Amino acid sequence: MMPIEQAATEFLALQRVAVTGVSRTPAGHGSNAVYQRLRDRGYQVFAVNPNADVVEGDTSYHDLKSIPGGVEAVVIGTRPEHAAGTVRECAELGIDHVWMHRAFGAGSVSNAATEYGRAHGMTVIDGGCPLMFEPTADGGHKFLRTFCSWTGAVPKRV
C-alpha cells in the first residue's frame, strides 16, 4: 500500500489514458469532465463507451482492447457493477494503473474490482478523482479532495 498522493502522482505521470463511461451527452457526467481535462492538459486520452462511436467530438472505443497502441492507465467512470469487468480487461492487457472515480456515493468503486486488481499486481486507486490532484487539479476539485478525504471517498492509502 502507498499513500494516495504517491499513487496519484504515478498515475498522472502516465500519458496514454483511457476513460470509461464517457457519455454522448456530457452534461453532469464525471467521466466527460475527466476526459476533457486530461485532453486539455496534453494527455493522449481515449474515450471508452461500448454504445458510441464518437463522444466529445473524438473517436470512442467500444472496449480497451480496441484502442490502437493500447494505454498505460484507465480511469473507470462507469457504474460499480461494470468495474470488475474493466479491471479484468486491464489485467488481460497488462494495464497496471486503474483509478475508480468517486466523489459522492459509491461512484465507480467496486470492492471486488479493487481486490482483483491488487491481487493481479495493479495499483488501484479506489476513490477520488484524477482532477483532485496536480497537474490536473483546479480550485473546486482541490476543495472536493479535502471534503471527500474527510468522508472517506478519497482513500488515504491504496
N, C-alpha and C. Protein backbone atom coordinates (compact mmCIF):
# COMPACT_ATOMS: atom_id res chain seq x y z
N MET A 1 0.85 -1.19 0.00
CA MET A 1 0.00 0.00 0.00
C MET A 1 0.89 1.25 0.00
N MET A 2 0.43 2.27 -0.70
CA MET A 2 1.17 3.53 -0.76
C MET A 2 0.21 4.69 -0.50
N PRO A 3 0.73 5.83 -0.09
CA PRO A 3 -0.13 6.99 0.12
C PRO A 3 -0.82 7.39 -1.19
N ILE A 4 -2.04 7.88 -1.07
CA ILE A 4 -2.81 8.29 -2.24
C ILE A 4 -2.04 9.31 -3.08
N GLU A 5 -1.32 10.21 -2.44
CA GLU A 5 -0.57 11.23 -3.18
C GLU A 5 0.46 10.60 -4.11
N GLN A 6 1.15 9.57 -3.62
CA GLN A 6 2.14 8.89 -4.45
C GLN A 6 1.47 8.16 -5.60
N ALA A 7 0.38 7.45 -5.31
CA ALA A 7 -0.33 6.71 -6.36
C ALA A 7 -0.87 7.67 -7.41
N ALA A 8 -1.41 8.81 -6.99
CA ALA A 8 -1.95 9.79 -7.93
C ALA A 8 -0.84 10.38 -8.80
N THR A 9 0.30 10.67 -8.19
CA THR A 9 1.43 11.22 -8.94
C THR A 9 1.91 10.22 -10.00
N GLU A 10 2.02 8.95 -9.62
CA GLU A 10 2.44 7.93 -10.58
C GLU A 10 1.42 7.79 -11.69
N PHE A 11 0.14 7.76 -11.34
CA PHE A 11 -0.91 7.62 -12.35
C PHE A 11 -0.87 8.79 -13.33
N LEU A 12 -0.81 10.01 -12.81
CA LEU A 12 -0.88 11.19 -13.66
C LEU A 12 0.43 11.48 -14.40
N ALA A 13 1.49 10.73 -14.11
CA ALA A 13 2.73 10.83 -14.88
C ALA A 13 2.63 10.04 -16.18
N LEU A 14 1.65 9.15 -16.26
CA LEU A 14 1.44 8.35 -17.48
C LEU A 14 0.70 9.20 -18.51
N GLN A 15 0.99 8.99 -19.77
CA GLN A 15 0.45 9.89 -20.79
C GLN A 15 -0.68 9.30 -21.64
N ARG A 16 -0.76 7.97 -21.74
CA ARG A 16 -1.81 7.33 -22.55
C ARG A 16 -2.85 6.76 -21.59
N VAL A 17 -3.99 7.45 -21.51
CA VAL A 17 -5.01 7.13 -20.52
C VAL A 17 -6.36 6.93 -21.18
N ALA A 18 -7.03 5.83 -20.84
CA ALA A 18 -8.40 5.60 -21.28
C ALA A 18 -9.34 6.03 -20.17
N VAL A 19 -10.49 6.57 -20.57
CA VAL A 19 -11.53 6.94 -19.61
C VAL A 19 -12.80 6.22 -20.03
N THR A 20 -13.29 5.34 -19.16
CA THR A 20 -14.51 4.60 -19.46
C THR A 20 -15.72 5.39 -18.99
N GLY A 21 -16.84 5.18 -19.65
CA GLY A 21 -18.08 5.84 -19.25
C GLY A 21 -18.25 7.24 -19.79
N VAL A 22 -17.42 7.64 -20.76
CA VAL A 22 -17.59 8.95 -21.38
C VAL A 22 -18.88 8.92 -22.18
N SER A 23 -19.75 9.88 -21.94
CA SER A 23 -21.10 9.86 -22.49
C SER A 23 -21.25 10.73 -23.74
N ARG A 24 -22.20 10.35 -24.59
CA ARG A 24 -22.55 11.17 -25.76
C ARG A 24 -23.26 12.45 -25.32
N THR A 25 -23.84 12.44 -24.14
CA THR A 25 -24.50 13.63 -23.57
C THR A 25 -23.71 14.04 -22.33
N PRO A 26 -22.73 14.93 -22.48
CA PRO A 26 -21.75 15.19 -21.43
C PRO A 26 -22.25 15.86 -20.17
N ALA A 27 -23.36 16.56 -20.20
CA ALA A 27 -23.79 17.32 -19.03
C ALA A 27 -23.95 16.41 -17.81
N GLY A 28 -23.22 16.75 -16.75
CA GLY A 28 -23.34 16.04 -15.50
C GLY A 28 -22.61 14.71 -15.40
N HIS A 29 -21.81 14.36 -16.39
CA HIS A 29 -21.07 13.11 -16.35
C HIS A 29 -19.62 13.36 -15.94
N GLY A 30 -19.23 12.79 -14.81
CA GLY A 30 -17.86 12.95 -14.32
C GLY A 30 -16.82 12.44 -15.29
N SER A 31 -17.15 11.36 -16.00
CA SER A 31 -16.19 10.82 -16.97
C SER A 31 -15.87 11.83 -18.05
N ASN A 32 -16.88 12.56 -18.49
CA ASN A 32 -16.64 13.55 -19.53
C ASN A 32 -15.74 14.67 -19.02
N ALA A 33 -15.95 15.10 -17.78
CA ALA A 33 -15.09 16.15 -17.21
C ALA A 33 -13.64 15.67 -17.11
N VAL A 34 -13.45 14.43 -16.68
CA VAL A 34 -12.09 13.87 -16.60
C VAL A 34 -11.49 13.78 -17.99
N TYR A 35 -12.24 13.26 -18.93
CA TYR A 35 -11.77 13.13 -20.31
C TYR A 35 -11.34 14.49 -20.87
N GLN A 36 -12.21 15.49 -20.74
CA GLN A 36 -11.91 16.82 -21.27
C GLN A 36 -10.66 17.42 -20.63
N ARG A 37 -10.56 17.32 -19.30
CA ARG A 37 -9.42 17.93 -18.62
C ARG A 37 -8.12 17.25 -19.02
N LEU A 38 -8.11 15.93 -19.06
CA LEU A 38 -6.88 15.23 -19.46
C LEU A 38 -6.50 15.62 -20.89
N ARG A 39 -7.48 15.67 -21.77
CA ARG A 39 -7.22 16.05 -23.17
C ARG A 39 -6.66 17.47 -23.22
N ASP A 40 -7.27 18.39 -22.47
CA ASP A 40 -6.83 19.78 -22.47
C ASP A 40 -5.44 19.96 -21.88
N ARG A 41 -5.03 19.05 -21.00
CA ARG A 41 -3.71 19.14 -20.38
C ARG A 41 -2.64 18.38 -21.16
N GLY A 42 -2.98 17.89 -22.35
CA GLY A 42 -1.97 17.29 -23.22
C GLY A 42 -1.80 15.79 -23.13
N TYR A 43 -2.65 15.12 -22.38
CA TYR A 43 -2.59 13.67 -22.33
C TYR A 43 -3.13 13.09 -23.63
N GLN A 44 -2.64 11.91 -23.99
CA GLN A 44 -3.25 11.14 -25.06
C GLN A 44 -4.37 10.37 -24.38
N VAL A 45 -5.58 10.84 -24.54
CA VAL A 45 -6.71 10.28 -23.80
C VAL A 45 -7.68 9.64 -24.78
N PHE A 46 -8.25 8.51 -24.36
CA PHE A 46 -9.11 7.72 -25.22
C PHE A 46 -10.43 7.47 -24.50
N ALA A 47 -11.52 7.83 -25.15
CA ALA A 47 -12.85 7.60 -24.59
C ALA A 47 -13.27 6.17 -24.86
N VAL A 48 -13.89 5.55 -23.84
CA VAL A 48 -14.40 4.18 -23.99
C VAL A 48 -15.88 4.19 -23.64
N ASN A 49 -16.69 3.80 -24.63
CA ASN A 49 -18.13 3.67 -24.46
C ASN A 49 -18.60 2.62 -25.45
N PRO A 50 -19.10 1.47 -24.96
CA PRO A 50 -19.48 0.40 -25.87
C PRO A 50 -20.66 0.74 -26.77
N ASN A 51 -21.34 1.85 -26.50
CA ASN A 51 -22.53 2.22 -27.26
C ASN A 51 -22.35 3.46 -28.12
N ALA A 52 -21.11 3.93 -28.27
CA ALA A 52 -20.89 5.15 -29.03
C ALA A 52 -19.64 5.03 -29.88
N ASP A 53 -19.69 5.63 -31.05
CA ASP A 53 -18.53 5.69 -31.93
C ASP A 53 -17.80 7.03 -31.81
N VAL A 54 -18.53 8.06 -31.36
CA VAL A 54 -17.97 9.40 -31.20
C VAL A 54 -18.51 10.00 -29.91
N VAL A 55 -17.62 10.56 -29.09
CA VAL A 55 -18.00 11.35 -27.92
C VAL A 55 -17.05 12.54 -27.84
N GLU A 56 -17.57 13.65 -27.36
CA GLU A 56 -16.74 14.86 -27.22
C GLU A 56 -16.03 15.22 -28.54
N GLY A 57 -16.64 14.83 -29.67
CA GLY A 57 -16.06 15.11 -30.97
C GLY A 57 -14.90 14.21 -31.35
N ASP A 58 -14.61 13.21 -30.54
CA ASP A 58 -13.48 12.30 -30.77
C ASP A 58 -13.99 10.88 -30.95
N THR A 59 -13.14 10.04 -31.51
CA THR A 59 -13.45 8.62 -31.63
C THR A 59 -13.65 8.02 -30.25
N SER A 60 -14.67 7.20 -30.12
CA SER A 60 -14.90 6.45 -28.89
C SER A 60 -14.68 4.98 -29.21
N TYR A 61 -14.02 4.29 -28.30
CA TYR A 61 -13.72 2.89 -28.49
C TYR A 61 -14.70 2.05 -27.67
N HIS A 62 -15.07 0.91 -28.20
CA HIS A 62 -16.07 0.07 -27.53
C HIS A 62 -15.50 -0.69 -26.35
N ASP A 63 -14.18 -0.88 -26.32
CA ASP A 63 -13.51 -1.56 -25.21
C ASP A 63 -12.04 -1.17 -25.23
N LEU A 64 -11.33 -1.55 -24.20
CA LEU A 64 -9.91 -1.17 -24.09
C LEU A 64 -9.06 -1.81 -25.16
N LYS A 65 -9.35 -3.05 -25.51
CA LYS A 65 -8.51 -3.75 -26.48
C LYS A 65 -8.60 -3.14 -27.87
N SER A 66 -9.60 -2.31 -28.13
CA SER A 66 -9.78 -1.67 -29.44
C SER A 66 -8.93 -0.41 -29.61
N ILE A 67 -8.31 0.06 -28.56
CA ILE A 67 -7.53 1.30 -28.64
C ILE A 67 -6.19 1.01 -29.32
N PRO A 68 -5.93 1.64 -30.46
CA PRO A 68 -4.66 1.39 -31.16
C PRO A 68 -3.46 1.76 -30.30
N GLY A 69 -2.54 0.84 -30.15
CA GLY A 69 -1.33 1.08 -29.36
C GLY A 69 -1.52 0.91 -27.86
N GLY A 70 -2.75 0.64 -27.43
CA GLY A 70 -3.02 0.41 -26.01
C GLY A 70 -2.87 1.67 -25.17
N VAL A 71 -3.03 1.49 -23.87
CA VAL A 71 -2.91 2.60 -22.92
C VAL A 71 -2.10 2.15 -21.71
N GLU A 72 -1.65 3.12 -20.94
CA GLU A 72 -0.88 2.85 -19.73
C GLU A 72 -1.74 2.84 -18.47
N ALA A 73 -2.89 3.51 -18.54
CA ALA A 73 -3.72 3.67 -17.36
C ALA A 73 -5.18 3.82 -17.78
N VAL A 74 -6.08 3.51 -16.82
CA VAL A 74 -7.52 3.60 -17.09
C VAL A 74 -8.22 4.28 -15.93
N VAL A 75 -9.06 5.26 -16.26
CA VAL A 75 -9.98 5.85 -15.29
C VAL A 75 -11.34 5.18 -15.52
N ILE A 76 -11.87 4.55 -14.49
CA ILE A 76 -13.18 3.91 -14.59
C ILE A 76 -14.23 4.90 -14.10
N GLY A 77 -15.14 5.24 -15.00
CA GLY A 77 -16.19 6.19 -14.67
C GLY A 77 -17.58 5.63 -14.93
N THR A 78 -17.69 4.33 -14.89
CA THR A 78 -18.97 3.66 -15.09
C THR A 78 -19.59 3.29 -13.75
N ARG A 79 -20.76 2.68 -13.78
CA ARG A 79 -21.36 2.19 -12.54
C ARG A 79 -20.45 1.11 -11.95
N PRO A 80 -20.49 0.95 -10.62
CA PRO A 80 -19.60 0.00 -9.95
C PRO A 80 -19.74 -1.43 -10.47
N GLU A 81 -20.91 -1.85 -10.87
CA GLU A 81 -21.08 -3.23 -11.34
C GLU A 81 -20.33 -3.52 -12.63
N HIS A 82 -19.86 -2.48 -13.32
CA HIS A 82 -19.07 -2.69 -14.54
C HIS A 82 -17.56 -2.64 -14.27
N ALA A 83 -17.18 -2.20 -13.08
CA ALA A 83 -15.76 -2.01 -12.77
C ALA A 83 -14.96 -3.32 -12.80
N ALA A 84 -15.53 -4.39 -12.27
CA ALA A 84 -14.78 -5.66 -12.23
C ALA A 84 -14.43 -6.15 -13.63
N GLY A 85 -15.37 -6.03 -14.55
CA GLY A 85 -15.09 -6.44 -15.93
C GLY A 85 -13.98 -5.60 -16.55
N THR A 86 -14.00 -4.31 -16.26
CA THR A 86 -12.96 -3.43 -16.79
C THR A 86 -11.60 -3.78 -16.19
N VAL A 87 -11.56 -4.04 -14.89
CA VAL A 87 -10.29 -4.39 -14.25
C VAL A 87 -9.78 -5.73 -14.79
N ARG A 88 -10.65 -6.68 -15.03
CA ARG A 88 -10.21 -7.94 -15.65
C ARG A 88 -9.63 -7.69 -17.04
N GLU A 89 -10.27 -6.82 -17.81
CA GLU A 89 -9.74 -6.49 -19.13
C GLU A 89 -8.37 -5.81 -19.00
N CYS A 90 -8.22 -4.95 -18.01
CA CYS A 90 -6.91 -4.32 -17.77
C CYS A 90 -5.84 -5.39 -17.49
N ALA A 91 -6.18 -6.37 -16.66
CA ALA A 91 -5.24 -7.44 -16.34
C ALA A 91 -4.85 -8.20 -17.60
N GLU A 92 -5.81 -8.51 -18.44
CA GLU A 92 -5.54 -9.24 -19.69
C GLU A 92 -4.62 -8.45 -20.61
N LEU A 93 -4.74 -7.12 -20.59
CA LEU A 93 -3.97 -6.26 -21.49
C LEU A 93 -2.67 -5.76 -20.88
N GLY A 94 -2.41 -6.09 -19.61
CA GLY A 94 -1.18 -5.65 -18.96
C GLY A 94 -1.21 -4.21 -18.50
N ILE A 95 -2.39 -3.66 -18.32
CA ILE A 95 -2.53 -2.29 -17.81
C ILE A 95 -2.52 -2.38 -16.29
N ASP A 96 -1.57 -1.70 -15.65
CA ASP A 96 -1.45 -1.90 -14.21
C ASP A 96 -1.72 -0.65 -13.36
N HIS A 97 -2.35 0.36 -13.96
CA HIS A 97 -2.77 1.55 -13.21
C HIS A 97 -4.24 1.81 -13.50
N VAL A 98 -5.06 1.71 -12.45
CA VAL A 98 -6.50 1.87 -12.58
C VAL A 98 -6.98 2.85 -11.51
N TRP A 99 -7.87 3.74 -11.91
CA TRP A 99 -8.46 4.70 -10.98
C TRP A 99 -9.97 4.59 -11.09
N MET A 100 -10.65 4.17 -10.02
CA MET A 100 -12.10 4.12 -9.99
C MET A 100 -12.61 5.43 -9.39
N HIS A 101 -13.29 6.21 -10.20
CA HIS A 101 -13.76 7.54 -9.83
C HIS A 101 -14.83 7.49 -8.74
N ARG A 102 -14.68 8.36 -7.74
CA ARG A 102 -15.72 8.52 -6.72
C ARG A 102 -15.53 9.86 -6.02
N ALA A 103 -16.64 10.58 -5.91
CA ALA A 103 -16.68 11.77 -5.08
C ALA A 103 -17.78 11.61 -4.04
N PHE A 104 -18.98 11.29 -4.52
CA PHE A 104 -20.13 11.11 -3.63
C PHE A 104 -20.75 9.76 -3.91
N GLY A 105 -21.28 9.13 -2.88
CA GLY A 105 -21.89 7.82 -3.06
C GLY A 105 -20.83 6.78 -3.43
N ALA A 106 -21.28 5.72 -4.08
CA ALA A 106 -20.36 4.64 -4.46
C ALA A 106 -19.49 5.03 -5.64
N GLY A 107 -19.94 5.98 -6.45
CA GLY A 107 -19.18 6.33 -7.64
C GLY A 107 -19.00 5.10 -8.51
N SER A 108 -17.78 4.85 -8.92
CA SER A 108 -17.46 3.69 -9.75
C SER A 108 -16.74 2.60 -8.97
N VAL A 109 -16.61 2.77 -7.67
CA VAL A 109 -15.80 1.87 -6.85
C VAL A 109 -16.52 0.55 -6.59
N SER A 110 -15.79 -0.51 -6.84
CA SER A 110 -16.23 -1.87 -6.56
C SER A 110 -15.16 -2.55 -5.73
N ASN A 111 -15.54 -3.06 -4.56
CA ASN A 111 -14.56 -3.76 -3.72
C ASN A 111 -14.01 -4.99 -4.42
N ALA A 112 -14.87 -5.71 -5.15
CA ALA A 112 -14.40 -6.90 -5.88
C ALA A 112 -13.38 -6.52 -6.94
N ALA A 113 -13.62 -5.42 -7.64
CA ALA A 113 -12.68 -4.96 -8.66
C ALA A 113 -11.36 -4.54 -8.03
N THR A 114 -11.44 -3.85 -6.90
CA THR A 114 -10.23 -3.43 -6.20
C THR A 114 -9.40 -4.65 -5.78
N GLU A 115 -10.04 -5.61 -5.15
CA GLU A 115 -9.34 -6.81 -4.71
C GLU A 115 -8.73 -7.58 -5.87
N TYR A 116 -9.49 -7.73 -6.95
CA TYR A 116 -8.99 -8.45 -8.13
C TYR A 116 -7.76 -7.74 -8.70
N GLY A 117 -7.86 -6.42 -8.88
CA GLY A 117 -6.75 -5.67 -9.45
C GLY A 117 -5.50 -5.75 -8.59
N ARG A 118 -5.65 -5.56 -7.31
CA ARG A 118 -4.47 -5.63 -6.43
C ARG A 118 -3.89 -7.03 -6.38
N ALA A 119 -4.75 -8.04 -6.42
CA ALA A 119 -4.25 -9.43 -6.44
C ALA A 119 -3.48 -9.73 -7.72
N HIS A 120 -3.73 -8.95 -8.77
CA HIS A 120 -3.04 -9.12 -10.04
C HIS A 120 -1.95 -8.07 -10.26
N GLY A 121 -1.48 -7.46 -9.17
CA GLY A 121 -0.32 -6.58 -9.23
C GLY A 121 -0.59 -5.16 -9.70
N MET A 122 -1.84 -4.77 -9.79
CA MET A 122 -2.16 -3.42 -10.25
C MET A 122 -2.16 -2.43 -9.09
N THR A 123 -1.86 -1.19 -9.41
CA THR A 123 -2.12 -0.10 -8.49
C THR A 123 -3.54 0.35 -8.77
N VAL A 124 -4.42 0.15 -7.80
CA VAL A 124 -5.83 0.50 -7.95
C VAL A 124 -6.15 1.62 -6.97
N ILE A 125 -6.51 2.77 -7.51
CA ILE A 125 -6.96 3.90 -6.70
C ILE A 125 -8.48 3.78 -6.63
N ASP A 126 -8.96 3.49 -5.45
CA ASP A 126 -10.38 3.18 -5.29
C ASP A 126 -11.14 4.34 -4.64
N GLY A 127 -11.18 5.44 -5.38
CA GLY A 127 -11.91 6.61 -4.93
C GLY A 127 -11.21 7.90 -5.31
N GLY A 128 -11.94 8.99 -5.13
CA GLY A 128 -11.41 10.28 -5.53
C GLY A 128 -11.48 10.45 -7.04
N CYS A 129 -10.80 11.45 -7.53
CA CYS A 129 -10.86 11.82 -8.94
C CYS A 129 -9.48 12.31 -9.37
N PRO A 130 -9.05 11.96 -10.56
CA PRO A 130 -7.75 12.46 -11.03
C PRO A 130 -7.67 13.99 -11.05
N LEU A 131 -8.83 14.65 -11.15
CA LEU A 131 -8.82 16.11 -11.22
C LEU A 131 -8.63 16.76 -9.85
N MET A 132 -8.54 15.95 -8.80
CA MET A 132 -8.29 16.46 -7.45
C MET A 132 -6.80 16.60 -7.16
N PHE A 133 -5.95 16.15 -8.09
CA PHE A 133 -4.51 16.09 -7.86
C PHE A 133 -3.78 16.81 -8.99
N GLU A 134 -2.62 17.37 -8.65
CA GLU A 134 -1.79 18.02 -9.67
C GLU A 134 -1.21 16.96 -10.59
N PRO A 135 -1.07 17.25 -11.86
CA PRO A 135 -1.15 18.55 -12.53
C PRO A 135 -2.52 18.85 -13.15
N THR A 136 -3.53 18.12 -12.79
CA THR A 136 -4.83 18.31 -13.42
C THR A 136 -5.83 19.06 -12.54
N ALA A 137 -5.46 19.37 -11.31
CA ALA A 137 -6.39 19.93 -10.33
C ALA A 137 -6.77 21.38 -10.64
N ASP A 138 -7.97 21.73 -10.18
CA ASP A 138 -8.41 23.12 -10.15
C ASP A 138 -8.89 23.39 -8.73
N GLY A 139 -9.24 24.64 -8.44
CA GLY A 139 -9.63 25.01 -7.08
C GLY A 139 -10.82 24.22 -6.56
N GLY A 140 -11.84 24.05 -7.40
CA GLY A 140 -13.02 23.32 -6.96
C GLY A 140 -12.71 21.87 -6.63
N HIS A 141 -11.89 21.23 -7.46
CA HIS A 141 -11.54 19.83 -7.20
C HIS A 141 -10.61 19.70 -5.99
N LYS A 142 -9.77 20.70 -5.76
CA LYS A 142 -8.92 20.67 -4.57
C LYS A 142 -9.79 20.73 -3.31
N PHE A 143 -10.82 21.58 -3.34
CA PHE A 143 -11.75 21.64 -2.22
C PHE A 143 -12.46 20.31 -2.05
N LEU A 144 -12.94 19.74 -3.16
CA LEU A 144 -13.61 18.44 -3.09
C LEU A 144 -12.69 17.36 -2.54
N ARG A 145 -11.42 17.42 -2.88
CA ARG A 145 -10.46 16.44 -2.35
C ARG A 145 -10.42 16.51 -0.84
N THR A 146 -10.36 17.72 -0.29
CA THR A 146 -10.34 17.87 1.16
C THR A 146 -11.62 17.32 1.77
N PHE A 147 -12.75 17.73 1.24
CA PHE A 147 -14.03 17.28 1.76
C PHE A 147 -14.17 15.76 1.64
N CYS A 148 -13.86 15.23 0.46
CA CYS A 148 -14.02 13.79 0.23
C CYS A 148 -13.00 12.96 1.01
N SER A 149 -11.89 13.54 1.36
CA SER A 149 -10.93 12.84 2.22
C SER A 149 -11.53 12.67 3.62
N TRP A 150 -12.25 13.66 4.09
CA TRP A 150 -12.91 13.56 5.40
C TRP A 150 -13.99 12.50 5.39
N THR A 151 -14.71 12.38 4.27
CA THR A 151 -15.83 11.41 4.21
C THR A 151 -15.36 10.00 3.89
N GLY A 152 -14.11 9.85 3.46
CA GLY A 152 -13.59 8.53 3.08
C GLY A 152 -13.73 8.22 1.61
N ALA A 153 -14.29 9.13 0.82
CA ALA A 153 -14.44 8.89 -0.62
C ALA A 153 -13.09 8.95 -1.34
N VAL A 154 -12.12 9.62 -0.73
CA VAL A 154 -10.74 9.62 -1.22
C VAL A 154 -9.94 8.80 -0.22
N PRO A 155 -9.40 7.67 -0.64
CA PRO A 155 -8.66 6.83 0.31
C PRO A 155 -7.34 7.48 0.72
N LYS A 156 -6.88 7.15 1.90
CA LYS A 156 -5.58 7.67 2.37
C LYS A 156 -4.42 6.87 1.76
N ARG A 157 -4.66 5.55 1.61
CA ARG A 157 -3.63 4.65 1.05
C ARG A 157 -4.29 3.72 0.05
N VAL A 158 -3.53 3.35 -0.96
CA VAL A 158 -4.05 2.42 -1.96
C VAL A 158 -3.05 1.30 -2.22
